[in-house]
């Protein structure tokens, strides 16, 4: 069969789609673009918000309309939530507990729904990948599951309990990816900071094992929960010359009262102290984050607290988003839901503040010479990223894809630095 794939959501989903692609190819099927003619399409879904579910349903209807004879398979987080898939426009629904079942059911071509419950002692079972299609950096999923139960989040129910990939399997996967020419590895997970929970290992051990692989020049981390990061961990990261000093520390709000309603496990003072410690250990570190506005009962004073906190931290990059009600969560039942009009206005204010700090972060690089891993070419300009994840453009007639090069930064705009190859 010709199998197409469409991925919604996070880096973990992107990794799992690659894993599915390789599982299908090992069975003799051909992977094609979702824009081409296909016999079957796999939709790897996200369910983090009600809006995510709406987009998935819209996508399924579109593919059904455009490809009426094709087999449509829904998997991923939305597929795992039984209440969300009743009457959905798809042929096969299979949850995210076992990716191999996606291949089996697609081959059978039966109209079936198979959602297996996540179990407490479930083992990490996502098949390793040997390549990462059309990408310069490769992800390695090393952790699955989350047990934080933030009041706005359904993911602990969709993903189950924390489980971790064994270190020897991480090493073998990194070796394979290095042999394919990948120089940068990004370690990802649903709750990456919880890697090794319940075992005698932690995230530093995973970083160390990937850094030990010849051919890997950079190791980067995905999103982190701030309360899991200790000074000891930071010093171990610092000891690895391949470690990229980019920390995406999920904030959600700069107001302590809002953080408490969210059931986050830290306050703004803890977060600020962590950022201060990171910047002392890694002088060139970039701190990025997610900030939610319009959480239930968020007053104007609480929003202003969050806004001021964002100014104080001065993030290198921020994903600002409005709270979206999600059925099945504590927050969905809270009184004091904020209107869309207010959420939109607060989003615009927060974006203005965080865009300013992003611009200042990039402006500080002007005059510096930085090492860039190049990825793509646009109109003769090669685009890549520094170790602290600043986006850089440099003109060259050479093919720089997947190569590291020194660039002297000559100017910076709102979201990109421009420079000359040294």
Foldseek 3Di string as FASTA:
>chain_A
DEEEEDEDDDPVRLQLVLLLQVLLVVVPYHYDYPVDDGQEYEYAFDAFFVVRLVVVLVVLVVCCVVPVRHAYEYEHLQLQDVVSCVPGNHQEREYDLASNVSNVCVVVSHRYRYHDFADPPREDDRDAHLERPQWQEEEDEFKWADDQQFQQGDRNRSTPHIYGHDLVVLLVSLQSHLVVQRQEYEYDYPAQQCHQPVHPDGNLSNVVSSLPHPNHQAYEYDAHALVSDDPVSLVSLLVRPRYQQEYAYEDQFQFQVVCVNRSRDDHNVSVVVSLVSSCVSPVLHAYEYEYEPQQAPCDPVRLVSRLVSCLVSLGLYYHYYYRHHRPPGNSNPDPRGDDPVVRVVSSVSSCVSNLVSNQVSQQVQAQPKFKWQWADDDPQWTWTAGSNGQIETEGDPDPRHSHIFIWHFHGTDSRYTYTYTD
